[in-house]
Amino acid sequence: MAKLSELNQALVSPQLIYPSGEHQENARGLPTPRAKLANRGIRIPGFDLASYARSGFQTPTYVAWLMGAALAGSTESFNHLGGWDDRYFIYYEDHDIGLRAWDADLKLVLDPRSEWVHTWQRATTTLNRSAWKAELRSAWTFYRTYPELITRGRVNRSERFDHIGPLLWQTALDV
C-alpha cells in the first residue's frame, strides 16, 4: 500500500471485509445527499447506488472517498491535509479527508489485494438516539463545508469536484 500511495500520490485503503469474509463497500463515490439516502435503503428514482458504493474490485481503483477504518498515506500527505478534522466526532470525517485530499491534488485508491477485517458496524442502523444525533451533527457540519454536494447534478451547480469524475472508478497506477 505504501508503494501505491507513493506512485499515485494518494491515500490508500485496503478492501474492508466483515468477519464472515464478505466484502464491505468501502469504495465510495461523491457523498451527495441523494447518494447517502440511497445507501441507507431509501429508493431515489433515477439514482444508481453502484455510482456511490462499490466492492469487488480486482485492481487498485480511484474512488472519491474511503471509509476511515483503515486509511494509509505518507506523513507528509496527512500533514499537508492538516490531519483529521476535529469538528467530526464520528461520521463524515472520512468523507471530509477524502475530499480535502482531492482538493489538494492527492488521489484516493482502494487496494483490493490488501484486506482488513472490520468488525465495527455503524450504530445508526438501529434507533440509537445518541448515534443519530452524532450522525446528524456531522452531516450538518459536512454539508455546510461542502454545499456544492447538495446541488450536485442540478443546474447552476459548482464545478468544484468535476476533476474527480474522469478518474472515479478507473484503475489506478499499479506497482
Protein backbone atom coordinates (compact mmCIF):
# COMPACT_ATOMS: atom_id res chain seq x y z
CA MET A 1 0.00 0.00 0.00
CA ALA A 2 2.91 2.34 0.67
CA LYS A 3 4.17 1.90 -2.90
CA LEU A 4 0.67 2.53 -4.28
CA SER A 5 0.41 5.66 -2.16
CA GLU A 6 3.72 6.98 -3.45
CA LEU A 7 3.13 6.04 -7.12
CA ASN A 8 -0.38 7.56 -7.23
CA GLN A 9 0.27 10.46 -4.83
CA ALA A 10 -2.69 9.07 -2.92
CA LEU A 11 -4.23 7.97 0.32
CA VAL A 12 -4.83 4.22 0.08
CA SER A 13 -7.17 1.81 1.83
CA PRO A 14 -7.33 -1.97 1.88
CA GLN A 15 -10.55 -3.74 0.97
CA LEU A 16 -12.53 -3.90 4.20
CA ILE A 17 -14.15 -7.23 4.93
CA TYR A 18 -16.59 -8.43 7.56
CA PRO A 19 -15.52 -11.28 9.88
CA SER A 20 -17.54 -13.57 7.57
CA GLY A 21 -15.19 -12.70 4.70
CA GLU A 22 -17.83 -10.72 2.80
CA HIS A 23 -16.56 -7.50 1.26
CA GLN A 24 -17.72 -4.19 2.67
CA GLU A 25 -18.44 -1.46 0.15
CA ASN A 26 -15.73 0.90 1.41
CA ALA A 27 -15.02 2.42 -2.01
CA ARG A 28 -17.30 5.41 -2.43
CA GLY A 29 -18.34 7.99 -4.99
CA LEU A 30 -19.24 11.60 -4.22
CA PRO A 31 -21.28 11.81 -0.99
CA THR A 32 -24.29 13.74 -2.19
CA PRO A 33 -27.41 13.67 -0.01
CA ARG A 34 -29.13 11.54 -2.69
CA ALA A 35 -26.29 9.01 -2.56
CA LYS A 36 -26.32 8.91 1.24
CA LEU A 37 -30.09 8.35 1.38
CA ALA A 38 -29.99 5.67 -1.33
CA ASN A 39 -27.19 3.92 0.55
CA ARG A 40 -29.46 3.83 3.63
CA GLY A 41 -32.09 1.98 1.60
CA ILE A 42 -34.31 4.88 0.58
CA ARG A 43 -35.49 4.48 -3.01
CA ILE A 44 -34.37 7.52 -5.04
CA PRO A 45 -35.90 7.47 -8.56
CA GLY A 46 -33.21 7.52 -11.22
CA PHE A 47 -30.34 7.01 -8.77
CA ASP A 48 -27.98 4.08 -9.32
CA LEU A 49 -26.47 3.01 -5.98
CA ALA A 50 -23.50 1.48 -7.84
CA SER A 51 -22.44 5.05 -8.66
CA TYR A 52 -21.84 5.55 -4.94
CA ALA A 53 -20.88 2.35 -3.06
CA ARG A 54 -18.88 -0.49 -4.59
CA SER A 55 -16.76 -3.50 -3.77
CA GLY A 56 -15.39 -6.48 -5.70
CA PHE A 57 -12.54 -4.68 -7.47
CA GLN A 58 -9.72 -6.74 -8.96
CA THR A 59 -7.18 -3.91 -9.35
CA PRO A 60 -6.32 -0.74 -7.41
CA THR A 61 -9.07 1.77 -8.18
CA TYR A 62 -9.58 5.53 -7.79
CA VAL A 63 -12.52 6.50 -5.56
CA ALA A 64 -13.95 9.77 -4.21
CA TRP A 65 -13.57 8.74 -0.56
CA LEU A 66 -12.79 5.68 1.52
CA MET A 67 -14.14 4.51 4.85
CA GLY A 68 -11.79 5.79 7.53
CA ALA A 69 -11.43 2.44 9.33
CA ALA A 70 -8.10 1.84 7.57
CA LEU A 71 -6.51 4.62 5.56
CA ALA A 72 -2.82 4.92 4.75
CA GLY A 73 -0.66 7.64 3.30
CA SER A 74 2.59 9.42 3.88
CA THR A 75 3.08 11.56 6.97
CA GLU A 76 3.76 14.43 4.58
CA SER A 77 0.36 13.95 2.92
CA PHE A 78 -1.53 13.86 6.23
CA ASN A 79 0.36 16.91 7.47
CA HIS A 80 -0.37 18.74 4.22
CA LEU A 81 -4.09 17.99 4.71
CA GLY A 82 -3.99 19.09 8.34
CA GLY A 83 -4.91 15.59 9.56
CA TRP A 84 -8.38 14.60 10.67
CA ASP A 85 -10.84 17.47 11.22
CA ASP A 86 -11.80 17.66 14.91
CA ARG A 87 -15.24 19.07 14.05
CA TYR A 88 -16.31 15.50 13.28
CA PHE A 89 -16.59 13.40 16.42
CA ILE A 90 -17.81 10.41 14.47
CA TYR A 91 -19.21 10.00 10.95
CA TYR A 92 -18.22 12.09 7.91
CA GLU A 93 -14.59 12.58 8.95
CA ASP A 94 -13.58 10.12 6.22
CA HIS A 95 -15.75 11.91 3.62
CA ASP A 96 -14.06 15.17 4.57
CA ILE A 97 -10.46 13.98 4.44
CA GLY A 98 -11.14 12.31 1.10
CA LEU A 99 -12.49 15.48 -0.48
CA ARG A 100 -9.72 17.58 1.07
CA ALA A 101 -7.22 15.15 -0.44
CA TRP A 102 -8.70 15.60 -3.92
CA ASP A 103 -8.72 19.39 -3.41
CA ALA A 104 -5.00 19.15 -2.54
CA ASP A 105 -4.23 17.12 -5.71
CA LEU A 106 -3.96 13.85 -3.80
CA LYS A 107 -5.98 10.88 -5.01
CA LEU A 108 -7.73 8.10 -3.14
CA VAL A 109 -7.13 4.48 -4.07
CA LEU A 110 -8.74 1.25 -2.90
CA ASP A 111 -6.29 -1.67 -2.98
CA PRO A 112 -8.34 -4.90 -3.23
CA ARG A 113 -5.24 -7.09 -2.82
CA SER A 114 -4.92 -5.94 0.79
CA GLU A 115 -7.77 -6.86 3.11
CA TRP A 116 -8.63 -5.64 6.60
CA VAL A 117 -11.23 -7.27 8.82
CA HIS A 118 -13.57 -4.52 10.01
CA THR A 119 -15.88 -5.70 12.79
CA TRP A 120 -17.45 -2.38 13.76
CA GLN A 121 -20.95 -1.67 12.46
CA ARG A 122 -22.37 1.84 12.45
CA ALA A 123 -24.68 2.48 15.38
CA THR A 124 -27.23 4.27 13.18
CA THR A 125 -28.50 1.00 11.71
CA THR A 126 -30.86 0.97 14.72
CA LEU A 127 -32.80 3.65 16.58
CA ASN A 128 -29.88 4.66 18.77
CA ARG A 129 -30.67 8.28 19.67
CA SER A 130 -27.15 9.40 20.61
CA ALA A 131 -25.67 7.82 17.46
CA TRP A 132 -28.23 9.53 15.25
CA LYS A 133 -27.55 12.84 17.00
CA ALA A 134 -23.82 12.46 16.24
CA GLU A 135 -24.58 11.46 12.64
CA LEU A 136 -26.86 14.44 12.03
CA ARG A 137 -24.45 16.87 13.69
CA SER A 138 -21.62 15.63 11.47
CA ALA A 139 -23.83 15.72 8.37
CA TRP A 140 -24.75 19.33 9.16
CA THR A 141 -21.06 20.26 9.51
CA PHE A 142 -20.12 18.36 6.36
CA TYR A 143 -22.77 19.84 4.06
CA ARG A 144 -22.10 23.35 5.42
CA THR A 145 -18.46 22.77 4.45
CA TYR A 146 -19.31 21.23 1.06
CA PRO A 147 -22.61 22.86 -0.04
CA GLU A 148 -21.72 22.05 -3.66
CA LEU A 149 -22.65 18.44 -2.99
CA ILE A 150 -26.22 19.38 -2.12
CA THR A 151 -26.86 20.66 -5.64
CA ARG A 152 -24.60 18.17 -7.45
CA GLY A 153 -26.22 17.14 -10.73
CA ARG A 154 -28.54 20.14 -10.87
CA VAL A 155 -28.49 23.31 -12.94
CA ASN A 156 -26.09 26.04 -11.77
CA ARG A 157 -24.06 23.66 -9.65
CA SER A 158 -20.47 24.23 -8.61
CA GLU A 159 -17.69 22.62 -10.65
CA ARG A 160 -15.52 22.11 -7.56
CA PHE A 161 -15.44 18.30 -7.78
CA ASP A 162 -15.53 17.86 -11.55
CA HIS A 163 -11.85 16.84 -11.57
CA ILE A 164 -12.72 13.66 -9.67
CA GLY A 165 -15.21 12.41 -12.27
CA PRO A 166 -12.78 11.34 -15.02
CA LEU A 167 -10.78 9.18 -12.57
CA LEU A 168 -13.66 7.84 -10.48
CA TRP A 169 -13.83 4.03 -10.63
CA GLN A 170 -10.84 3.90 -13.02
CA THR A 171 -7.86 1.59 -12.50
CA ALA A 172 -5.09 3.33 -10.56
CA LEU A 173 -1.42 3.16 -11.40
CA ASP A 174 -0.10 -0.15 -10.11
CA VAL A 175 3.21 -1.36 -8.70
